[in-house]
Amino acid sequence: MNLHTLNTSGCEQAHEVFFNCCSAERWTQLMIDSRPFSNQADMLQHAKNHWAAMQESDWLEAFAGHPKIGDVNSLKEKYAATRGLAGHEQSSVSAADDLVIEKLAHHNAEYEKIHGFIFIVFATGKSAEQMLALLMDRIHNTRLQELHNAAAEQLKITLLRLDKIQ
């Protein structure tokens, strides 16, 4: 979908597009109501402004729209591709081994138990090892710190998804 089509589409179609970018209903509705956008930058600025107006319940609704990283089999599948790339990239990038995957699954479950929501991080370009390190860095933060961290990461994810609408 391009920006012109999004600007001129019905509310139902626009809802689907925005909700796929961020599953917070209030944010989605604000984005629908903000159309038409004059350009890409205008849309992204509205997204940032609306996200800044969200509350904890909106954040939690958006977080709930993400798949939970906790199933060892799905994690192995997700990071299987890094095995083939590891030999061709810089030495700091390594393939995800079973131990890393199992630790990632375990600590994701622990994180959710501690904070009451899943671990949210802008994962694009990060290896399983990097994800585990980030998770371990954040797991013992306060719930309030993690709400704000996760909300900031959610915004990055949302903006990346919106940026695909040209």
N, C-alpha and C. Protein backbone atom coordinates (compact mmCIF):
# COMPACT_ATOMS: atom_id res chain seq x y z
N MET A 1 0.85 -1.18 0.00
CA MET A 1 0.00 0.00 0.00
C MET A 1 0.89 1.24 0.00
N ASN A 2 0.46 2.24 -0.74
CA ASN A 2 1.20 3.50 -0.73
C ASN A 2 0.44 4.54 0.07
N LEU A 3 1.07 5.67 0.30
CA LEU A 3 0.48 6.72 1.14
C LEU A 3 -0.81 7.27 0.55
N HIS A 4 -0.84 7.47 -0.75
CA HIS A 4 -2.06 7.99 -1.38
C HIS A 4 -3.23 7.04 -1.16
N THR A 5 -2.99 5.75 -1.34
CA THR A 5 -4.05 4.76 -1.15
C THR A 5 -4.49 4.75 0.31
N LEU A 6 -3.55 4.82 1.23
CA LEU A 6 -3.89 4.85 2.65
C LEU A 6 -4.72 6.09 2.98
N ASN A 7 -4.33 7.23 2.43
CA ASN A 7 -5.06 8.47 2.69
C ASN A 7 -6.50 8.41 2.18
N THR A 8 -6.73 7.70 1.10
CA THR A 8 -8.05 7.70 0.47
C THR A 8 -8.86 6.44 0.76
N SER A 9 -8.29 5.50 1.47
CA SER A 9 -9.00 4.24 1.75
C SER A 9 -10.05 4.45 2.84
N GLY A 10 -10.95 3.50 2.91
CA GLY A 10 -11.97 3.52 3.96
C GLY A 10 -11.36 3.25 5.32
N CYS A 11 -12.15 3.53 6.35
CA CYS A 11 -11.66 3.36 7.72
C CYS A 11 -11.28 1.91 8.02
N GLU A 12 -12.02 0.96 7.48
CA GLU A 12 -11.74 -0.45 7.76
C GLU A 12 -10.37 -0.85 7.20
N GLN A 13 -10.09 -0.43 5.98
CA GLN A 13 -8.80 -0.77 5.37
C GLN A 13 -7.67 -0.04 6.08
N ALA A 14 -7.88 1.23 6.41
CA ALA A 14 -6.85 1.99 7.12
C ALA A 14 -6.60 1.38 8.50
N HIS A 15 -7.67 0.93 9.16
CA HIS A 15 -7.51 0.28 10.46
C HIS A 15 -6.60 -0.93 10.35
N GLU A 16 -6.83 -1.73 9.34
CA GLU A 16 -6.01 -2.93 9.16
C GLU A 16 -4.53 -2.57 9.00
N VAL A 17 -4.25 -1.55 8.20
CA VAL A 17 -2.87 -1.14 7.97
C VAL A 17 -2.23 -0.63 9.26
N PHE A 18 -2.89 0.28 9.94
CA PHE A 18 -2.31 0.86 11.15
C PHE A 18 -2.23 -0.16 12.28
N PHE A 19 -3.24 -0.99 12.41
CA PHE A 19 -3.25 -2.00 13.47
C PHE A 19 -2.13 -3.02 13.26
N ASN A 20 -1.78 -3.29 12.00
CA ASN A 20 -0.66 -4.18 11.72
C ASN A 20 0.68 -3.54 12.08
N CYS A 21 0.69 -2.23 12.16
CA CYS A 21 1.90 -1.52 12.57
C CYS A 21 2.01 -1.42 14.09
N CYS A 22 0.86 -1.30 14.75
CA CYS A 22 0.80 -1.17 16.21
C CYS A 22 -0.60 -1.56 16.66
N SER A 23 -0.70 -2.56 17.49
CA SER A 23 -2.02 -3.09 17.84
C SER A 23 -2.68 -2.41 19.04
N ALA A 24 -2.36 -1.16 19.26
CA ALA A 24 -3.06 -0.36 20.27
C ALA A 24 -4.24 0.33 19.56
N GLU A 25 -5.44 -0.01 19.98
CA GLU A 25 -6.64 0.51 19.30
C GLU A 25 -6.72 2.03 19.31
N ARG A 26 -6.41 2.65 20.45
CA ARG A 26 -6.52 4.11 20.52
C ARG A 26 -5.54 4.78 19.57
N TRP A 27 -4.30 4.27 19.51
CA TRP A 27 -3.31 4.81 18.58
C TRP A 27 -3.79 4.61 17.15
N THR A 28 -4.30 3.43 16.84
CA THR A 28 -4.80 3.12 15.50
C THR A 28 -5.89 4.10 15.10
N GLN A 29 -6.82 4.35 15.99
CA GLN A 29 -7.93 5.27 15.67
C GLN A 29 -7.43 6.69 15.47
N LEU A 30 -6.48 7.11 16.29
CA LEU A 30 -5.91 8.45 16.11
C LEU A 30 -5.22 8.58 14.76
N MET A 31 -4.54 7.54 14.34
CA MET A 31 -3.88 7.57 13.03
C MET A 31 -4.91 7.63 11.90
N ILE A 32 -5.98 6.87 12.02
CA ILE A 32 -7.05 6.92 11.02
C ILE A 32 -7.62 8.33 10.94
N ASP A 33 -7.90 8.91 12.09
CA ASP A 33 -8.50 10.24 12.14
C ASP A 33 -7.56 11.35 11.69
N SER A 34 -6.27 11.10 11.68
CA SER A 34 -5.27 12.11 11.29
C SER A 34 -5.08 12.21 9.78
N ARG A 35 -5.62 11.27 9.05
CA ARG A 35 -5.48 11.31 7.59
C ARG A 35 -6.24 12.50 7.03
N PRO A 36 -5.87 13.03 5.90
CA PRO A 36 -4.77 12.60 5.05
C PRO A 36 -3.44 13.18 5.53
N PHE A 37 -2.39 12.43 5.28
CA PHE A 37 -1.03 12.87 5.59
C PHE A 37 -0.45 13.52 4.34
N SER A 38 0.27 14.61 4.52
CA SER A 38 0.81 15.32 3.36
C SER A 38 1.99 14.57 2.73
N ASN A 39 2.71 13.81 3.55
CA ASN A 39 3.84 13.02 3.04
C ASN A 39 4.24 12.01 4.11
N GLN A 40 5.26 11.24 3.81
CA GLN A 40 5.74 10.20 4.71
C GLN A 40 6.16 10.78 6.06
N ALA A 41 6.92 11.85 6.02
CA ALA A 41 7.40 12.47 7.26
C ALA A 41 6.23 12.94 8.13
N ASP A 42 5.20 13.47 7.51
CA ASP A 42 4.01 13.92 8.24
C ASP A 42 3.35 12.73 8.95
N MET A 43 3.23 11.61 8.25
CA MET A 43 2.63 10.42 8.85
C MET A 43 3.47 9.93 10.03
N LEU A 44 4.78 9.87 9.86
CA LEU A 44 5.65 9.41 10.93
C LEU A 44 5.61 10.35 12.13
N GLN A 45 5.51 11.64 11.89
CA GLN A 45 5.42 12.60 13.00
C GLN A 45 4.11 12.42 13.76
N HIS A 46 3.02 12.21 13.04
CA HIS A 46 1.74 11.93 13.72
C HIS A 46 1.85 10.65 14.55
N ALA A 47 2.49 9.64 14.00
CA ALA A 47 2.66 8.38 14.73
C ALA A 47 3.41 8.61 16.05
N LYS A 48 4.48 9.39 15.99
CA LYS A 48 5.25 9.70 17.20
C LYS A 48 4.42 10.49 18.20
N ASN A 49 3.73 11.51 17.71
CA ASN A 49 2.92 12.35 18.59
C ASN A 49 1.81 11.55 19.26
N HIS A 50 1.14 10.71 18.50
CA HIS A 50 0.06 9.90 19.07
C HIS A 50 0.61 8.89 20.06
N TRP A 51 1.76 8.30 19.76
CA TRP A 51 2.35 7.33 20.68
C TRP A 51 2.72 8.01 21.99
N ALA A 52 3.19 9.23 21.93
CA ALA A 52 3.56 9.98 23.13
C ALA A 52 2.35 10.24 24.03
N ALA A 53 1.16 10.23 23.45
CA ALA A 53 -0.07 10.48 24.22
C ALA A 53 -0.67 9.20 24.80
N MET A 54 -0.06 8.06 24.51
CA MET A 54 -0.60 6.79 25.00
C MET A 54 -0.31 6.60 26.49
N GLN A 55 -1.12 5.75 27.10
CA GLN A 55 -0.99 5.41 28.51
C GLN A 55 -0.60 3.94 28.65
N GLU A 56 -0.37 3.51 29.87
CA GLU A 56 0.06 2.14 30.11
C GLU A 56 -0.86 1.11 29.47
N SER A 57 -2.14 1.30 29.57
CA SER A 57 -3.07 0.31 28.99
C SER A 57 -2.90 0.22 27.47
N ASP A 58 -2.61 1.34 26.82
CA ASP A 58 -2.37 1.34 25.38
C ASP A 58 -1.07 0.60 25.06
N TRP A 59 -0.05 0.87 25.86
CA TRP A 59 1.24 0.20 25.65
C TRP A 59 1.08 -1.31 25.78
N LEU A 60 0.39 -1.73 26.84
CA LEU A 60 0.21 -3.17 27.07
C LEU A 60 -0.58 -3.81 25.94
N GLU A 61 -1.55 -3.08 25.41
CA GLU A 61 -2.32 -3.59 24.27
C GLU A 61 -1.42 -3.78 23.05
N ALA A 62 -0.53 -2.83 22.83
CA ALA A 62 0.41 -2.94 21.71
C ALA A 62 1.38 -4.10 21.93
N PHE A 63 1.90 -4.24 23.14
CA PHE A 63 2.84 -5.32 23.44
C PHE A 63 2.19 -6.68 23.22
N ALA A 64 0.92 -6.79 23.60
CA ALA A 64 0.21 -8.06 23.47
C ALA A 64 0.06 -8.49 22.01
N GLY A 65 0.21 -7.57 21.08
CA GLY A 65 0.10 -7.88 19.67
C GLY A 65 1.33 -8.55 19.09
N HIS A 66 2.38 -8.65 19.89
CA HIS A 66 3.62 -9.29 19.43
C HIS A 66 3.61 -10.77 19.79
N PRO A 67 4.21 -11.59 18.94
CA PRO A 67 4.35 -13.00 19.32
C PRO A 67 5.31 -13.11 20.49
N LYS A 68 5.02 -14.02 21.37
CA LYS A 68 5.86 -14.22 22.54
C LYS A 68 7.07 -15.06 22.15
N ILE A 69 8.23 -14.59 22.54
CA ILE A 69 9.45 -15.37 22.33
C ILE A 69 9.58 -16.26 23.54
N GLY A 70 9.27 -17.52 23.37
CA GLY A 70 9.34 -18.42 24.50
C GLY A 70 9.27 -19.87 24.08
N ASP A 71 8.89 -20.10 22.85
CA ASP A 71 8.81 -21.45 22.33
C ASP A 71 10.15 -21.80 21.69
N VAL A 72 10.84 -22.76 22.27
CA VAL A 72 12.18 -23.12 21.80
C VAL A 72 12.18 -23.48 20.32
N ASN A 73 11.19 -24.24 19.87
CA ASN A 73 11.16 -24.64 18.46
C ASN A 73 11.01 -23.45 17.52
N SER A 74 10.16 -22.49 17.88
CA SER A 74 10.00 -21.32 17.01
C SER A 74 11.26 -20.45 17.03
N LEU A 75 11.94 -20.39 18.17
CA LEU A 75 13.20 -19.63 18.24
C LEU A 75 14.27 -20.28 17.38
N LYS A 76 14.36 -21.61 17.42
CA LYS A 76 15.35 -22.30 16.59
C LYS A 76 15.08 -22.03 15.12
N GLU A 77 13.80 -22.04 14.73
CA GLU A 77 13.44 -21.77 13.34
C GLU A 77 13.80 -20.34 12.96
N LYS A 78 13.50 -19.39 13.86
CA LYS A 78 13.78 -17.98 13.58
C LYS A 78 15.26 -17.73 13.34
N TYR A 79 16.12 -18.35 14.15
CA TYR A 79 17.55 -18.08 14.06
C TYR A 79 18.32 -19.10 13.25
N ALA A 80 17.64 -20.06 12.64
CA ALA A 80 18.32 -21.07 11.82
C ALA A 80 19.09 -20.42 10.68
N ALA A 81 18.56 -19.36 10.11
CA ALA A 81 19.19 -18.70 8.97
C ALA A 81 20.55 -18.12 9.34
N THR A 82 20.77 -17.79 10.61
CA THR A 82 22.06 -17.20 10.99
C THR A 82 23.18 -18.21 10.87
N ARG A 83 22.87 -19.50 10.92
CA ARG A 83 23.92 -20.51 10.80
C ARG A 83 24.64 -20.39 9.46
N GLY A 84 23.91 -20.18 8.39
CA GLY A 84 24.50 -20.08 7.07
C GLY A 84 25.22 -18.77 6.85
N LEU A 85 24.83 -17.75 7.57
CA LEU A 85 25.44 -16.43 7.37
C LEU A 85 26.68 -16.22 8.23
N ALA A 86 26.78 -16.96 9.31
CA ALA A 86 27.82 -16.68 10.30
C ALA A 86 29.22 -16.73 9.72
N GLY A 87 29.48 -17.66 8.83
CA GLY A 87 30.82 -17.77 8.28
C GLY A 87 31.17 -16.66 7.32
N HIS A 88 30.20 -15.92 6.85
CA HIS A 88 30.43 -14.89 5.84
C HIS A 88 30.37 -13.47 6.41
N GLU A 89 30.05 -13.35 7.68
CA GLU A 89 29.92 -12.04 8.27
C GLU A 89 31.06 -11.80 9.24
N GLN A 90 31.06 -10.64 9.87
CA GLN A 90 32.10 -10.32 10.83
C GLN A 90 32.10 -11.35 11.96
N SER A 91 33.23 -11.54 12.58
CA SER A 91 33.36 -12.57 13.60
C SER A 91 32.47 -12.33 14.81
N SER A 92 32.00 -11.11 15.00
CA SER A 92 31.15 -10.83 16.15
C SER A 92 29.74 -11.39 15.96
N VAL A 93 29.39 -11.74 14.75
CA VAL A 93 28.08 -12.31 14.48
C VAL A 93 28.23 -13.82 14.42
N SER A 94 27.53 -14.50 15.31
CA SER A 94 27.64 -15.96 15.33
C SER A 94 26.27 -16.60 15.22
N ALA A 95 26.28 -17.85 14.84
CA ALA A 95 25.03 -18.59 14.70
C ALA A 95 24.45 -18.87 16.08
N ALA A 96 23.15 -18.93 16.13
CA ALA A 96 22.47 -19.21 17.39
C ALA A 96 22.54 -20.71 17.67
N ASP A 97 23.15 -21.06 18.78
CA ASP A 97 23.18 -22.48 19.12
C ASP A 97 22.02 -22.80 20.06
N ASP A 98 21.81 -24.09 20.28
CA ASP A 98 20.67 -24.53 21.08
C ASP A 98 20.69 -23.95 22.48
N LEU A 99 21.87 -23.82 23.10
CA LEU A 99 21.95 -23.28 24.45
C LEU A 99 21.47 -21.83 24.50
N VAL A 100 21.88 -21.02 23.52
CA VAL A 100 21.45 -19.62 23.47
C VAL A 100 19.94 -19.55 23.29
N ILE A 101 19.41 -20.38 22.41
CA ILE A 101 17.97 -20.40 22.17
C ILE A 101 17.21 -20.78 23.43
N GLU A 102 17.69 -21.80 24.12
CA GLU A 102 17.02 -22.24 25.35
C GLU A 102 17.09 -21.16 26.43
N LYS A 103 18.24 -20.48 26.54
CA LYS A 103 18.36 -19.39 27.52
C LYS A 103 17.42 -18.24 27.16
N LEU A 104 17.33 -17.93 25.89
CA LEU A 104 16.45 -16.86 25.45
C LEU A 104 15.00 -17.19 25.80
N ALA A 105 14.59 -18.40 25.54
CA ALA A 105 13.22 -18.82 25.87
C ALA A 105 12.99 -18.76 27.37
N HIS A 106 13.93 -19.28 28.14
CA HIS A 106 13.79 -19.30 29.60
C HIS A 106 13.69 -17.89 30.18
N HIS A 107 14.60 -17.02 29.76
CA HIS A 107 14.63 -15.68 30.33
C HIS A 107 13.48 -14.80 29.83
N ASN A 108 12.98 -15.08 28.65
CA ASN A 108 11.78 -14.38 28.19
C ASN A 108 10.60 -14.71 29.09
N ALA A 109 10.45 -15.97 29.45
CA ALA A 109 9.37 -16.39 30.35
C ALA A 109 9.55 -15.75 31.73
N GLU A 110 10.79 -15.69 32.20
CA GLU A 110 11.10 -15.07 33.48
C GLU A 110 10.77 -13.56 33.44
N TYR A 111 11.16 -12.92 32.36
CA TYR A 111 10.88 -11.49 32.18
C TYR A 111 9.38 -11.22 32.27
N GLU A 112 8.60 -12.02 31.56
CA GLU A 112 7.15 -11.82 31.57
C GLU A 112 6.58 -12.03 32.97
N LYS A 113 7.09 -12.99 33.68
CA LYS A 113 6.62 -13.25 35.05
C LYS A 113 6.94 -12.07 35.97
N ILE A 114 8.12 -11.50 35.82
CA ILE A 114 8.55 -10.38 36.65
C ILE A 114 7.77 -9.10 36.32
N HIS A 115 7.65 -8.80 35.02
CA HIS A 115 7.12 -7.50 34.61
C HIS A 115 5.65 -7.51 34.22
N GLY A 116 5.10 -8.68 33.90
CA GLY A 116 3.68 -8.76 33.56
C GLY A 116 3.39 -8.52 32.09
N PHE A 117 4.41 -8.43 31.27
CA PHE A 117 4.25 -8.29 29.81
C PHE A 117 5.50 -8.87 29.16
N ILE A 118 5.37 -9.15 27.87
CA ILE A 118 6.49 -9.79 27.17
C ILE A 118 7.62 -8.80 26.92
N PHE A 119 8.79 -9.33 26.72
CA PHE A 119 9.98 -8.55 26.40
C PHE A 119 9.82 -7.98 25.00
N ILE A 120 9.88 -6.66 24.89
CA ILE A 120 9.75 -5.97 23.61
C ILE A 120 11.09 -5.31 23.30
N VAL A 121 11.59 -5.61 22.10
CA VAL A 121 12.84 -5.01 21.66
C VAL A 121 12.80 -4.89 20.14
N PHE A 122 13.40 -3.86 19.62
CA PHE A 122 13.54 -3.69 18.18
C PHE A 122 14.58 -4.69 17.73
N ALA A 123 14.12 -5.80 17.17
CA ALA A 123 14.98 -6.95 16.90
C ALA A 123 15.65 -6.94 15.53
N THR A 124 15.26 -6.04 14.67
CA THR A 124 15.80 -6.04 13.32
C THR A 124 17.33 -5.99 13.33
N GLY A 125 17.92 -6.99 12.68
CA GLY A 125 19.37 -7.04 12.56
C GLY A 125 20.10 -7.59 13.76
N LYS A 126 19.39 -8.02 14.79
CA LYS A 126 20.04 -8.53 15.99
C LYS A 126 20.07 -10.06 15.98
N SER A 127 21.17 -10.61 16.41
CA SER A 127 21.30 -12.06 16.52
C SER A 127 20.64 -12.54 17.81
N ALA A 128 20.50 -13.83 17.95
CA ALA A 128 19.95 -14.41 19.17
C ALA A 128 20.83 -14.04 20.37
N GLU A 129 22.13 -14.04 20.19
CA GLU A 129 23.04 -13.69 21.27
C GLU A 129 22.86 -12.23 21.70
N GLN A 130 22.69 -11.36 20.73
CA GLN A 130 22.46 -9.95 21.05
C GLN A 130 21.13 -9.76 21.77
N MET A 131 20.12 -10.48 21.32
CA MET A 131 18.81 -10.41 21.96
C MET A 131 18.91 -10.88 23.41
N LEU A 132 19.63 -11.98 23.63
CA LEU A 132 19.79 -12.50 24.99
C LEU A 132 20.52 -11.48 25.86
N ALA A 133 21.56 -10.86 25.34
CA ALA A 133 22.30 -9.86 26.11
C ALA A 133 21.40 -8.68 26.47
N LEU A 134 20.60 -8.23 25.53
CA LEU A 134 19.68 -7.12 25.81
C LEU A 134 18.65 -7.52 26.87
N LEU A 135 18.14 -8.71 26.74
CA LEU A 135 17.17 -9.21 27.71
C LEU A 135 17.79 -9.27 29.11
N MET A 136 19.01 -9.78 29.19
CA MET A 136 19.67 -9.88 30.49
C MET A 136 19.99 -8.50 31.07
N ASP A 137 20.28 -7.54 30.21
CA ASP A 137 20.53 -6.17 30.67
C ASP A 137 19.27 -5.53 31.26
N ARG A 138 18.12 -5.90 30.74
CA ARG A 138 16.87 -5.24 31.14
C ARG A 138 16.02 -6.02 32.15
N ILE A 139 16.26 -7.28 32.33
CA ILE A 139 15.34 -8.12 33.10
C ILE A 139 15.15 -7.65 34.54
N HIS A 140 16.17 -7.09 35.16
CA HIS A 140 16.06 -6.69 36.56
C HIS A 140 15.74 -5.21 36.76
N ASN A 141 15.39 -4.52 35.69
CA ASN A 141 14.91 -3.15 35.83
C ASN A 141 13.57 -3.17 36.55
N THR A 142 13.16 -2.01 37.03
CA THR A 142 11.83 -1.93 37.63
C THR A 142 10.77 -2.07 36.54
N ARG A 143 9.58 -2.39 36.95
CA ARG A 143 8.48 -2.52 35.99
C ARG A 143 8.27 -1.19 35.25
N LEU A 144 8.34 -0.08 35.96
CA LEU A 144 8.15 1.23 35.33
C LEU A 144 9.24 1.50 34.30
N GLN A 145 10.49 1.20 34.64
CA GLN A 145 11.57 1.37 33.67
C GLN A 145 11.30 0.53 32.42
N GLU A 146 10.86 -0.71 32.64
CA GLU A 146 10.62 -1.60 31.51
C GLU A 146 9.40 -1.20 30.69
N LEU A 147 8.40 -0.64 31.33
CA LEU A 147 7.27 -0.10 30.55
C LEU A 147 7.76 0.97 29.59
N HIS A 148 8.60 1.84 30.09
CA HIS A 148 9.12 2.93 29.25
C HIS A 148 10.10 2.40 28.20
N ASN A 149 10.95 1.46 28.58
CA ASN A 149 11.87 0.85 27.60
C ASN A 149 11.08 0.15 26.49
N ALA A 150 10.11 -0.65 26.90
CA ALA A 150 9.32 -1.40 25.93
C ALA A 150 8.51 -0.45 25.04
N ALA A 151 7.99 0.62 25.61
CA ALA A 151 7.23 1.60 24.82
C ALA A 151 8.14 2.27 23.78
N ALA A 152 9.36 2.58 24.16
CA ALA A 152 10.31 3.18 23.22
C ALA A 152 10.67 2.19 22.11
N GLU A 153 10.83 0.94 22.46
CA GLU A 153 11.14 -0.09 21.46
C GLU A 153 9.93 -0.30 20.54
N GLN A 154 8.73 -0.28 21.12
CA GLN A 154 7.51 -0.42 20.32
C GLN A 154 7.42 0.69 19.29
N LEU A 155 7.76 1.90 19.68
CA LEU A 155 7.72 3.02 18.73
C LEU A 155 8.68 2.77 17.57
N LYS A 156 9.88 2.28 17.86
CA LYS A 156 10.84 1.98 16.78
C LYS A 156 10.25 0.94 15.82
N ILE A 157 9.64 -0.08 16.37
CA ILE A 157 9.03 -1.14 15.55
C ILE A 157 7.91 -0.56 14.70
N THR A 158 7.06 0.25 15.31
CA THR A 158 5.94 0.86 14.60
C THR A 158 6.43 1.75 13.47
N LEU A 159 7.43 2.57 13.74
CA LEU A 159 7.95 3.47 12.71
C LEU A 159 8.57 2.69 11.56
N LEU A 160 9.26 1.60 11.86
CA LEU A 160 9.81 0.76 10.80
C LEU A 160 8.70 0.22 9.91
N ARG A 161 7.64 -0.24 10.53
CA ARG A 161 6.52 -0.78 9.76
C ARG A 161 5.84 0.30 8.94
N LEU A 162 5.65 1.47 9.52
CA LEU A 162 5.03 2.58 8.79
C LEU A 162 5.91 3.06 7.65
N ASP A 163 7.21 2.98 7.83
CA ASP A 163 8.13 3.46 6.82
C ASP A 163 8.03 2.67 5.51
N LYS A 164 7.43 1.51 5.59
CA LYS A 164 7.23 0.69 4.37
C LYS A 164 6.07 1.20 3.52
N ILE A 165 5.30 2.12 4.08
CA ILE A 165 4.20 2.74 3.32
C ILE A 165 4.78 3.97 2.65
N GLN A 166 4.91 3.90 1.35
CA GLN A 166 5.55 5.01 0.62
C GLN A 166 4.53 5.76 -0.21
